[in-house]
C-alpha atoms as a PDB file:
ATOM      1  CA  UNK A   1      37.933  76.459 123.940  1.00  0.00           C
ATOM      2  CA  UNK A   2      36.378  79.258 125.849  1.00  0.00           C
ATOM      3  CA  UNK A   3      37.775  80.277 129.272  1.00  0.00           C
ATOM      4  CA  UNK A   4      35.492  82.347 131.373  1.00  0.00           C
ATOM      5  CA  UNK A   5      36.959  85.164 133.560  1.00  0.00           C
ATOM      6  CA  UNK A   6      35.861  88.065 135.692  1.00  0.00           C
ATOM      7  CA  UNK A   7      36.566  91.305 133.778  1.00  0.00           C
ATOM      8  CA  UNK A   8      38.894  92.917 136.319  1.00  0.00           C
ATOM      9  CA  UNK A   9      42.536  93.440 135.264  1.00  0.00           C
ATOM     10  CA  UNK A  10      43.674  90.990 137.983  1.00  0.00           C
ATOM     11  CA  UNK A  11      41.215  88.326 136.890  1.00  0.00           C
ATOM     12  CA  UNK A  12      41.898  88.679 133.070  1.00  0.00           C
ATOM     13  CA  UNK A  13      45.685  88.755 133.694  1.00  0.00           C
ATOM     14  CA  UNK A  14      45.427  85.567 135.694  1.00  0.00           C
ATOM     15  CA  UNK A  15      43.137  83.852 133.153  1.00  0.00           C
ATOM     16  CA  UNK A  16      45.401  84.781 130.238  1.00  0.00           C
ATOM     17  CA  UNK A  17      48.405  83.394 132.033  1.00  0.00           C
ATOM     18  CA  UNK A  18      46.616  80.142 132.515  1.00  0.00           C
ATOM     19  CA  UNK A  19      45.398  80.102 128.894  1.00  0.00           C
ATOM     20  CA  UNK A  20      48.934  80.714 127.725  1.00  0.00           C
ATOM     21  CA  UNK A  21      50.246  77.697 129.789  1.00  0.00           C
ATOM     22  CA  UNK A  22      47.602  75.460 128.272  1.00  0.00           C
ATOM     23  CA  UNK A  23      48.397  76.662 124.723  1.00  0.00           C
ATOM     24  CA  UNK A  24      52.124  76.115 125.283  1.00  0.00           C
ATOM     25  CA  UNK A  25      51.466  72.620 126.883  1.00  0.00           C
ATOM     26  CA  UNK A  26      48.833  71.328 124.425  1.00  0.00           C
ATOM     27  CA  UNK A  27      48.717  73.495 121.301  1.00  0.00           C
ATOM     28  CA  UNK A  28      45.053  74.306 121.870  1.00  0.00           C
ATOM     29  CA  UNK A  29      43.835  77.822 121.225  1.00  0.00           C
ATOM     30  CA  UNK A  30      41.845  79.305 124.138  1.00  0.00           C
ATOM     31  CA  UNK A  31      39.557  82.267 123.948  1.00  0.00           C
ATOM     32  CA  UNK A  32      38.896  84.439 127.051  1.00  0.00           C
ATOM     33  CA  UNK A  33      35.219  85.323 127.665  1.00  0.00           C
ATOM     34  CA  UNK A  34      34.752  88.291 130.130  1.00  0.00           C
ATOM     35  CA  UNK A  35      31.802  87.958 132.585  1.00  0.00           C
ATOM     36  CA  UNK A  36      30.553  90.606 134.933  1.00  0.00           C
ATOM     37  CA  UNK A  37      29.713  89.317 138.398  1.00  0.00           C
ATOM     38  CA  UNK A  38      27.420  90.791 140.988  1.00  0.00           C
ATOM     39  CA  UNK A  39      30.464  91.101 143.311  1.00  0.00           C
ATOM     40  CA  UNK A  40      32.053  93.382 140.599  1.00  0.00           C
ATOM     41  CA  UNK A  41      29.193  95.881 140.283  1.00  0.00           C
ATOM     42  CA  UNK A  42      27.801  96.278 143.795  1.00  0.00           C
ATOM     43  CA  UNK A  43      29.349  98.624 146.405  1.00  0.00           C
ATOM     44  CA  UNK A  44      28.448  96.538 149.442  1.00  0.00           C
ATOM     45  CA  UNK A  45      31.197  95.192 151.645  1.00  0.00           C
ATOM     46  CA  UNK A  46      32.102  91.648 150.659  1.00  0.00           C
ATOM     47  CA  UNK A  47      31.377  90.335 154.164  1.00  0.00           C
ATOM     48  CA  UNK A  48      27.691  91.447 153.766  1.00  0.00           C
ATOM     49  CA  UNK A  49      27.375  89.715 150.470  1.00  0.00           C
ATOM     50  CA  UNK A  50      27.917  86.269 151.883  1.00  0.00           C
ATOM     51  CA  UNK A  51      31.631  86.368 151.297  1.00  0.00           C
ATOM     52  CA  UNK A  52      33.664  85.793 148.272  1.00  0.00           C
ATOM     53  CA  UNK A  53      31.308  83.245 146.636  1.00  0.00           C
ATOM     54  CA  UNK A  54      29.619  86.140 144.812  1.00  0.00           C
ATOM     55  CA  UNK A  55      32.590  86.226 142.331  1.00  0.00           C
ATOM     56  CA  UNK A  56      32.288  82.559 141.712  1.00  0.00           C
ATOM     57  CA  UNK A  57      28.458  82.053 141.136  1.00  0.00           C
ATOM     58  CA  UNK A  58      28.256  84.052 137.840  1.00  0.00           C
ATOM     59  CA  UNK A  59      31.131  81.988 136.258  1.00  0.00           C
ATOM     60  CA  UNK A  60      29.517  78.743 137.426  1.00  0.00           C
ATOM     61  CA  UNK A  61      26.220  79.744 135.824  1.00  0.00           C
ATOM     62  CA  UNK A  62      28.002  80.278 132.538  1.00  0.00           C
ATOM     63  CA  UNK A  63      29.687  76.767 132.814  1.00  0.00           C
ATOM     64  CA  UNK A  64      26.169  75.159 133.459  1.00  0.00           C
ATOM     65  CA  UNK A  65      24.706  77.100 130.510  1.00  0.00           C
ATOM     66  CA  UNK A  66      27.495  75.921 128.248  1.00  0.00           C
ATOM     67  CA  UNK A  67      28.707  79.368 127.302  1.00  0.00           C
ATOM     68  CA  UNK A  68      32.224  78.713 128.570  1.00  0.00           C
ATOM     69  CA  UNK A  69      34.196  75.386 128.815  1.00  0.00           C
ATOM     70  CA  UNK A  70      36.111  76.214 131.926  1.00  0.00           C
ATOM     71  CA  UNK A  71      36.787  79.023 134.528  1.00  0.00           C
ATOM     72  CA  UNK A  72      39.749  80.279 136.450  1.00  0.00           C
ATOM     73  CA  UNK A  73      39.209  81.536 140.044  1.00  0.00           C
ATOM     74  CA  UNK A  74      41.468  82.786 142.816  1.00  0.00           C
ATOM     75  CA  UNK A  75      41.253  79.727 145.009  1.00  0.00           C
ATOM     76  CA  UNK A  76      40.593  81.795 148.172  1.00  0.00           C
ATOM     77  CA  UNK A  77      37.398  83.039 146.462  1.00  0.00           C
ATOM     78  CA  UNK A  78      36.002  79.561 146.201  1.00  0.00           C
ATOM     79  CA  UNK A  79      33.597  78.367 148.969  1.00  0.00           C
ATOM     80  CA  UNK A  80      35.082  75.409 150.901  1.00  0.00           C
ATOM     81  CA  UNK A  81      31.955  73.372 150.455  1.00  0.00           C
ATOM     82  CA  UNK A  82      32.548  71.410 147.178  1.00  0.00           C
ATOM     83  CA  UNK A  83      29.572  71.742 144.656  1.00  0.00           C
ATOM     84  CA  UNK A  84      29.367  68.277 143.075  1.00  0.00           C
ATOM     85  CA  UNK A  85      28.436  69.774 139.603  1.00  0.00           C
ATOM     86  CA  UNK A  86      31.966  71.167 139.263  1.00  0.00           C
ATOM     87  CA  UNK A  87      35.414  69.719 139.445  1.00  0.00           C
ATOM     88  CA  UNK A  88      38.707  71.495 140.381  1.00  0.00           C
ATOM     89  CA  UNK A  89      40.415  69.921 137.351  1.00  0.00           C
ATOM     90  CA  UNK A  90      43.767  71.704 138.083  1.00  0.00           C
ATOM     91  CA  UNK A  91      45.484  73.577 140.884  1.00  0.00           C
ATOM     92  CA  UNK A  92      48.522  75.022 139.014  1.00  0.00           C
ATOM     93  CA  UNK A  93      51.744  75.744 140.783  1.00  0.00           C
ATOM     94  CA  UNK A  94      51.129  78.216 143.420  1.00  0.00           C
ATOM     95  CA  UNK A  95      52.658  81.666 143.535  1.00  0.00           C
ATOM     96  CA  UNK A  96      53.763  83.890 146.505  1.00  0.00           C
ATOM     97  CA  UNK A  97      51.440  83.323 149.331  1.00  0.00           C
ATOM     98  CA  UNK A  98      52.326  86.313 151.246  1.00  0.00           C
ATOM     99  CA  UNK A  99      50.610  89.685 152.025  1.00  0.00           C
ATOM    100  CA  UNK A 100      52.201  92.885 150.964  1.00  0.00           C
ATOM    101  CA  UNK A 101      52.098  96.402 152.232  1.00  0.00           C
ATOM    102  CA  UNK A 102      51.841  99.294 149.670  1.00  0.00           C
ATOM    103  CA  UNK A 103      52.627 102.558 151.507  1.00  0.00           C
ATOM    104  CA  UNK A 104      55.073 105.335 152.045  1.00  0.00           C
ATOM    105  CA  UNK A 105      57.170 103.426 154.643  1.00  0.00           C
ATOM    106  CA  UNK A 106      57.506  99.946 156.178  1.00  0.00           C
ATOM    107  CA  UNK A 107      54.818  98.949 158.551  1.00  0.00           C
ATOM    108  CA  UNK A 108      56.929  99.395 161.683  1.00  0.00           C
ATOM    109  CA  UNK A 109      57.630 103.021 160.600  1.00  0.00           C
ATOM    110  CA  UNK A 110      53.994 104.082 160.069  1.00  0.00           C
ATOM    111  CA  UNK A 111      53.042 106.862 162.660  1.00  0.00           C
ATOM    112  CA  UNK A 112      50.661 105.986 165.296  1.00  0.00           C
ATOM    113  CA  UNK A 113      47.057 106.581 164.018  1.00  0.00           C
ATOM    114  CA  UNK A 114      48.114 106.058 160.421  1.00  0.00           C
ATOM    115  CA  UNK A 115      45.185 104.795 158.267  1.00  0.00           C
ATOM    116  CA  UNK A 116      45.772 101.287 156.803  1.00  0.00           C
ATOM    117  CA  UNK A 117      43.175  99.934 154.343  1.00  0.00           C
ATOM    118  CA  UNK A 118      42.334  96.300 153.542  1.00  0.00           C
ATOM    119  CA  UNK A 119      39.158  94.464 152.551  1.00  0.00           C
ATOM    120  CA  UNK A 120      39.965  91.454 154.766  1.00  0.00           C
ATOM    121  CA  UNK A 121      38.926  90.946 158.347  1.00  0.00           C
ATOM    122  CA  UNK A 122      41.773  88.340 158.565  1.00  0.00           C
ATOM    123  CA  UNK A 123      44.321  90.934 157.728  1.00  0.00           C
ATOM    124  CA  UNK A 124      42.829  93.547 159.971  1.00  0.00           C
ATOM    125  CA  UNK A 125      42.915  91.152 162.975  1.00  0.00           C
ATOM    126  CA  UNK A 126      46.442  90.098 162.282  1.00  0.00           C
ATOM    127  CA  UNK A 127      47.720  93.529 161.782  1.00  0.00           C
ATOM    128  CA  UNK A 128      45.968  94.655 164.942  1.00  0.00           C
ATOM    129  CA  UNK A 129      48.000  91.848 166.745  1.00  0.00           C
ATOM    130  CA  UNK A 130      51.179  93.352 165.447  1.00  0.00           C
ATOM    131  CA  UNK A 131      50.239  96.987 166.168  1.00  0.00           C
ATOM    132  CA  UNK A 132      47.126  98.197 168.047  1.00  0.00           C
ATOM    133  CA  UNK A 133      47.869 101.840 167.553  1.00  0.00           C
ATOM    134  CA  UNK A 134      46.969 102.208 163.753  1.00  0.00           C
ATOM    135  CA  UNK A 135      43.623 102.985 162.231  1.00  0.00           C
ATOM    136  CA  UNK A 136      42.447  99.941 160.074  1.00  0.00           C
ATOM    137  CA  UNK A 137      40.011 100.879 157.465  1.00  0.00           C
ATOM    138  CA  UNK A 138      37.806  98.399 155.544  1.00  0.00           C
ATOM    139  CA  UNK A 139      38.009  99.147 151.825  1.00  0.00           C
ATOM    140  CA  UNK A 140      37.058  97.383 148.593  1.00  0.00           C
ATOM    141  CA  UNK A 141      37.617  97.783 144.910  1.00  0.00           C
ATOM    142  CA  UNK A 142      40.311  96.435 142.660  1.00  0.00           C
ATOM    143  CA  UNK A 143      44.044  96.721 143.252  1.00  0.00           C
ATOM    144  CA  UNK A 144      44.315  99.900 141.222  1.00  0.00           C
ATOM    145  CA  UNK A 145      41.522 101.570 143.197  1.00  0.00           C
ATOM    146  CA  UNK A 146      43.052 100.508 146.504  1.00  0.00           C
ATOM    147  CA  UNK A 147      46.629 101.696 145.575  1.00  0.00           C
ATOM    148  CA  UNK A 148      45.099 104.919 144.440  1.00  0.00           C
ATOM    149  CA  UNK A 149      43.939 105.648 147.897  1.00  0.00           C
ATOM    150  CA  UNK A 150      47.558 105.727 149.001  1.00  0.00           C
ATOM    151  CA  UNK A 151      48.727 107.867 146.117  1.00  0.00           C
ATOM    152  CA  UNK A 152      45.959 110.312 146.837  1.00  0.00           C
ATOM    153  CA  UNK A 153      46.810 110.529 150.547  1.00  0.00           C
ATOM    154  CA  UNK A 154      43.395 109.221 151.730  1.00  0.00           C
ATOM    155  CA  UNK A 155      45.287 106.314 153.215  1.00  0.00           C
ATOM    156  CA  UNK A 156      48.791 105.797 154.498  1.00  0.00           C
ATOM    157  CA  UNK A 157      49.021 102.199 153.291  1.00  0.00           C
ATOM    158  CA  UNK A 158      47.029  99.364 152.017  1.00  0.00           C
ATOM    159  CA  UNK A 159      47.581  95.528 152.261  1.00  0.00           C
ATOM    160  CA  UNK A 160      47.021  93.311 149.356  1.00  0.00           C
ATOM    161  CA  UNK A 161      48.287  89.759 148.245  1.00  0.00           C
ATOM    162  CA  UNK A 162      51.805  89.947 146.958  1.00  0.00           C
ATOM    163  CA  UNK A 163      51.012  87.398 144.087  1.00  0.00           C
ATOM    164  CA  UNK A 164      48.246  89.540 142.630  1.00  0.00           C
ATOM    165  CA  UNK A 165      50.340  92.710 142.642  1.00  0.00           C
ATOM    166  CA  UNK A 166      53.183  90.804 140.875  1.00  0.00           C
ATOM    167  CA  UNK A 167      50.743  89.386 138.268  1.00  0.00           C
ATOM    168  CA  UNK A 168      49.527  92.843 137.275  1.00  0.00           C
ATOM    169  CA  UNK A 169      53.082  94.355 137.274  1.00  0.00           C
ATOM    170  CA  UNK A 170      52.611  96.428 140.382  1.00  0.00           C
ATOM    171  CA  UNK A 171      55.322  94.702 142.521  1.00  0.00           C
ATOM    172  CA  UNK A 172      57.559  97.775 142.318  1.00  0.00           C
ATOM    173  CA  UNK A 173      55.056  99.698 144.575  1.00  0.00           C
ATOM    174  CA  UNK A 174      55.367  97.097 147.390  1.00  0.00           C
ATOM    175  CA  UNK A 175      57.098  98.827 150.529  1.00  0.00           C
ATOM    176  CA  UNK A 176      57.152  95.527 152.471  1.00  0.00           C
ATOM    177  CA  UNK A 177      56.324  91.853 152.212  1.00  0.00           C
ATOM    178  CA  UNK A 178      54.941  90.356 155.410  1.00  0.00           C
ATOM    179  CA  UNK A 179      56.577  87.014 156.196  1.00  0.00           C
ATOM    180  CA  UNK A 180      54.067  84.173 156.847  1.00  0.00           C
ATOM    181  CA  UNK A 181      55.211  84.090 160.475  1.00  0.00           C
ATOM    182  CA  UNK A 182      53.928  87.807 160.957  1.00  0.00           C
ATOM    183  CA  UNK A 183      50.770  87.460 158.765  1.00  0.00           C
ATOM    184  CA  UNK A 184      49.481  83.905 158.135  1.00  0.00           C
ATOM    185  CA  UNK A 185      47.878  84.045 154.723  1.00  0.00           C
ATOM    186  CA  UNK A 186      44.287  83.217 153.916  1.00  0.00           C
ATOM    187  CA  UNK A 187      43.762  79.452 153.106  1.00  0.00           C
ATOM    188  CA  UNK A 188      44.544  79.062 149.411  1.00  0.00           C
ATOM    189  CA  UNK A 189      46.184  82.443 148.992  1.00  0.00           C
ATOM    190  CA  UNK A 190      48.344  82.773 145.918  1.00  0.00           C
ATOM    191  CA  UNK A 191      46.703  79.678 144.230  1.00  0.00           C
ATOM    192  CA  UNK A 192      44.563  79.611 141.237  1.00  0.00           C
ATOM    193  CA  UNK A 193      41.777  77.028 140.566  1.00  0.00           C
ATOM    194  CA  UNK A 194      40.730  75.684 137.124  1.00  0.00           C
ATOM    195  CA  UNK A 195      37.116  74.526 137.233  1.00  0.00           C
ATOM    196  CA  UNK A 196      34.847  72.782 134.795  1.00  0.00           C
ATOM    197  CA  UNK A 197      31.696  70.693 134.890  1.00  0.00           C
ATOM    198  CA  UNK A 198      32.156  67.310 136.462  1.00  0.00           C
ATOM    199  CA  UNK A 199      30.259  65.640 133.693  1.00  0.00           C
ATOM    200  CA  UNK A 200      32.880  66.621 131.047  1.00  0.00           C
ATOM    201  CA  UNK A 201      35.447  63.917 131.720  1.00  0.00           C
ATOM    202  CA  UNK A 202      37.326  64.722 128.505  1.00  0.00           C
ATOM    203  CA  UNK A 203      37.808  68.303 129.754  1.00  0.00           C
ATOM    204  CA  UNK A 204      38.830  67.203 133.271  1.00  0.00           C
ATOM    205  CA  UNK A 205      41.523  65.078 131.698  1.00  0.00           C
ATOM    206  CA  UNK A 206      42.737  67.841 129.401  1.00  0.00           C
ATOM    207  CA  UNK A 207      42.794  70.507 132.132  1.00  0.00           C
ATOM    208  CA  UNK A 208      44.545  68.180 134.558  1.00  0.00           C
ATOM    209  CA  UNK A 209      47.921  68.712 132.838  1.00  0.00           C
ATOM    210  CA  UNK A 210      48.498  71.868 134.765  1.00  0.00           C
ATOM    211  CA  UNK A 211      47.776  70.396 138.159  1.00  0.00           C
ATOM    212  CA  UNK A 212      50.598  70.629 140.675  1.00  0.00           C
ATOM    213  CA  UNK A 213      50.286  67.807 143.300  1.00  0.00           C
ATOM    214  CA  UNK A 214      52.291  69.757 145.969  1.00  0.00           C
ATOM    215  CA  UNK A 215      50.117  72.823 145.584  1.00  0.00           C
ATOM    216  CA  UNK A 216      47.058  70.612 145.785  1.00  0.00           C
ATOM    217  CA  UNK A 217      47.966  68.884 148.936  1.00  0.00           C
ATOM    218  CA  UNK A 218      48.937  72.171 150.632  1.00  0.00           C
ATOM    219  CA  UNK A 219      45.773  74.054 149.729  1.00  0.00           C
ATOM    220  CA  UNK A 220      43.617  70.948 150.488  1.00  0.00           C
ATOM    221  CA  UNK A 221      45.000  70.947 154.072  1.00  0.00           C
ATOM    222  CA  UNK A 222      44.549  74.773 154.441  1.00  0.00           C
ATOM    223  CA  UNK A 223      40.946  74.651 153.291  1.00  0.00           C
ATOM    224  CA  UNK A 224      40.122  71.698 155.385  1.00  0.00           C
ATOM    225  CA  UNK A 225      41.105  73.725 158.452  1.00  0.00           C
ATOM    226  CA  UNK A 226      38.937  76.555 157.222  1.00  0.00           C
ATOM    227  CA  UNK A 227      35.913  74.267 156.388  1.00  0.00           C
ATOM    228  CA  UNK A 228      36.037  72.692 159.904  1.00  0.00           C
ATOM    229  CA  UNK A 229      36.249  76.069 161.660  1.00  0.00           C
ATOM    230  CA  UNK A 230      33.518  77.699 159.672  1.00  0.00           C
ATOM    231  CA  UNK A 231      30.960  75.654 161.316  1.00  0.00           C
ATOM    232  CA  UNK A 232      31.761  76.991 164.733  1.00  0.00           C
ATOM    233  CA  UNK A 233      33.341  80.420 164.254  1.00  0.00           C
ATOM    234  CA  UNK A 234      33.244  83.582 162.189  1.00  0.00           C
ATOM    235  CA  UNK A 235      36.620  84.924 163.353  1.00  0.00           C
ATOM    236  CA  UNK A 236      39.469  85.388 160.944  1.00  0.00           C
ATOM    237  CA  UNK A 237      41.345  82.208 160.025  1.00  0.00           C
ATOM    238  CA  UNK A 238      44.935  82.079 158.514  1.00  0.00           C
ATOM    239  CA  UNK A 239      46.484  78.790 157.305  1.00  0.00           C
ATOM    240  CA  UNK A 240      49.630  77.953 155.357  1.00  0.00           C
ATOM    241  CA  UNK A 241      50.882  74.567 154.353  1.00  0.00           C
ATOM    242  CA  UNK A 242      53.985  73.403 152.523  1.00  0.00           C
ATOM    243  CA  UNK A 243      54.571  69.968 150.903  1.00  0.00           C
ATOM    244  CA  UNK A 244      58.284  69.319 150.376  1.00  0.00           C
ATOM    245  CA  UNK A 245      57.538  66.078 148.492  1.00  0.00           C
ATOM    246  CA  UNK A 246      57.770  63.861 151.614  1.00  0.00           C
ATOM    247  CA  UNK A 247      55.990  65.817 154.486  1.00  0.00           C
ATOM    248  CA  UNK A 248      53.129  68.209 154.594  1.00  0.00           C
ATOM    249  CA  UNK A 249      53.661  70.938 157.160  1.00  0.00           C
ATOM    250  CA  UNK A 250      50.594  72.950 158.196  1.00  0.00           C
ATOM    251  CA  UNK A 251      50.191  76.036 160.440  1.00  0.00           C
ATOM    252  CA  UNK A 252      46.930  77.711 161.268  1.00  0.00           C
ATOM    253  CA  UNK A 253      45.711  80.581 163.410  1.00  0.00           C
ATOM    254  CA  UNK A 254      42.503  82.011 164.475  1.00  0.00           C
ATOM    255  CA  UNK A 255      42.544  85.537 165.761  1.00  0.00           C
ATOM    256  CA  UNK A 256      39.971  87.559 167.616  1.00  0.00           C
ATOM    257  CA  UNK A 257      38.821  90.608 165.576  1.00  0.00           C
ATOM    258  CA  UNK A 258      40.485  93.028 168.132  1.00  0.00           C
ATOM    259  CA  UNK A 259      43.855  91.199 167.504  1.00  0.00           C
ATOM    260  CA  UNK A 260      44.333  90.614 171.204  1.00  0.00           C
ATOM    261  CA  UNK A 261      43.850  86.845 171.319  1.00  0.00           C
ATOM    262  CA  UNK A 262      44.907  84.023 169.000  1.00  0.00           C
ATOM    263  CA  UNK A 263      45.004  80.236 168.839  1.00  0.00           C
ATOM    264  CA  UNK A 264      47.779  79.061 166.737  1.00  0.00           C
ATOM    265  CA  UNK A 265      48.834  75.485 165.985  1.00  0.00           C
ATOM    266  CA  UNK A 266      50.974  73.451 163.688  1.00  0.00           C
ATOM    267  CA  UNK A 267      51.078  69.876 162.566  1.00  0.00           C
ATOM    268  CA  UNK A 268      52.890  67.714 160.041  1.00  0.00           C
ATOM    269  CA  UNK A 269      51.769  64.611 158.194  1.00  0.00           C
ATOM    270  CA  UNK A 270      51.752  62.797 154.894  1.00  0.00           C
ATOM    271  CA  UNK A 271      50.718  64.775 151.737  1.00  0.00           C
ATOM    272  CA  UNK A 272      48.231  61.972 150.890  1.00  0.00           C
ATOM    273  CA  UNK A 273      46.387  62.764 154.200  1.00  0.00           C
ATOM    274  CA  UNK A 274      46.088  66.463 153.618  1.00  0.00           C
ATOM    275  CA  UNK A 275      42.322  66.528 154.373  1.00  0.00           C
ATOM    276  CA  UNK A 276      42.633  64.682 157.692  1.00  0.00           C
ATOM    277  CA  UNK A 277      45.708  66.802 158.793  1.00  0.00           C
ATOM    278  CA  UNK A 278      43.631  69.997 158.280  1.00  0.00           C
ATOM    279  CA  UNK A 279      40.520  68.551 160.028  1.00  0.00           C
ATOM    280  CA  UNK A 280      42.566  67.275 162.914  1.00  0.00           C
ATOM    281  CA  UNK A 281      44.365  70.531 163.384  1.00  0.00           C
ATOM    282  CA  UNK A 282      41.133  72.444 163.373  1.00  0.00           C
ATOM    283  CA  UNK A 283      39.716  70.100 166.032  1.00  0.00           C
ATOM    284  CA  UNK A 284      42.824  70.802 168.099  1.00  0.00           C
ATOM    285  CA  UNK A 285      42.391  74.445 167.810  1.00  0.00           C
ATOM    286  CA  UNK A 286      38.631  74.315 168.861  1.00  0.00           C
ATOM    287  CA  UNK A 287      39.762  72.132 171.857  1.00  0.00           C
ATOM    288  CA  UNK A 288      42.182  75.120 172.584  1.00  0.00           C
ATOM    289  CA  UNK A 289      39.362  77.652 172.552  1.00  0.00           C
ATOM    290  CA  UNK A 290      39.369  78.831 168.906  1.00  0.00           C
ATOM    291  CA  UNK A 291      35.548  78.587 168.781  1.00  0.00           C
ATOM    292  CA  UNK A 292      35.337  80.871 171.842  1.00  0.00           C
ATOM    293  CA  UNK A 293      37.428  83.481 169.981  1.00  0.00           C
ATOM    294  CA  UNK A 294      34.783  83.304 167.403  1.00  0.00           C
ATOM    295  CA  UNK A 295      31.735  83.179 169.545  1.00  0.00           C
ATOM    296  CA  UNK A 296      32.509  86.523 171.151  1.00  0.00           C
ATOM    297  CA  UNK A 297      32.523  88.215 167.704  1.00  0.00           C
ATOM    298  CA  UNK A 298      29.976  86.243 165.839  1.00  0.00           C
ATOM    299  CA  UNK A 299      27.214  88.398 164.103  1.00  0.00           C
END
């Protein structure tokens, strides 16, 4: 079986991890197929490319062409609008959802005016809400490139997902992990998605052995919030849900880009109603002015 992956170290590491889990669980050999995506070769900022979907489309093309059987994505890269040609056959157990600081000191100890790099408007807005006195620099490139900017002294710190750093063995360089109360993660952060063609029901069944129901309900709620807000606002959205087996607890926030205003709400419900819980929470946030926070900053 052929598993398509982006060629970056992070992507191939994640994909190999999933391949190994399938082999251990089923005895099937899985071959990794490296695919270069437009998002990997262009130097433009991701926000100008139409978001993270640029990493997904090349892999999906290969699925349609039959060159690969399935693909592994970082869930937060997947557009929230479901494409009926593809099925999320498995959402394996999620890893650390939190954001991590790689720098010379902890966040509170950075000198005023220190340069902090991140590729995410969400992180910049939320970090600004914590500290207005730092210089937030939009950067891109893989984890190696970003950490290199700290090592070289170009930046004082960078913020990356903790799960990704751990997967590539760089967790030793983390100077601080932000708790979700401080920095609410991106919807789906820390989760991987296994995707195949909807028409291949044999494959959907085979791949579903790695699906983790608690991860699925949590990220479904988070992505439902994002999906409902996306229509009305372009401001940064954070969301985090936890399914304890009985109750699904969901918290979401929308932050103005300058970090000075936020609408934050929480709700709880049944894991089987994850989609509705997310939609209802988003509606409550909009009623509370979340779309206004967006409107002021929409492009």
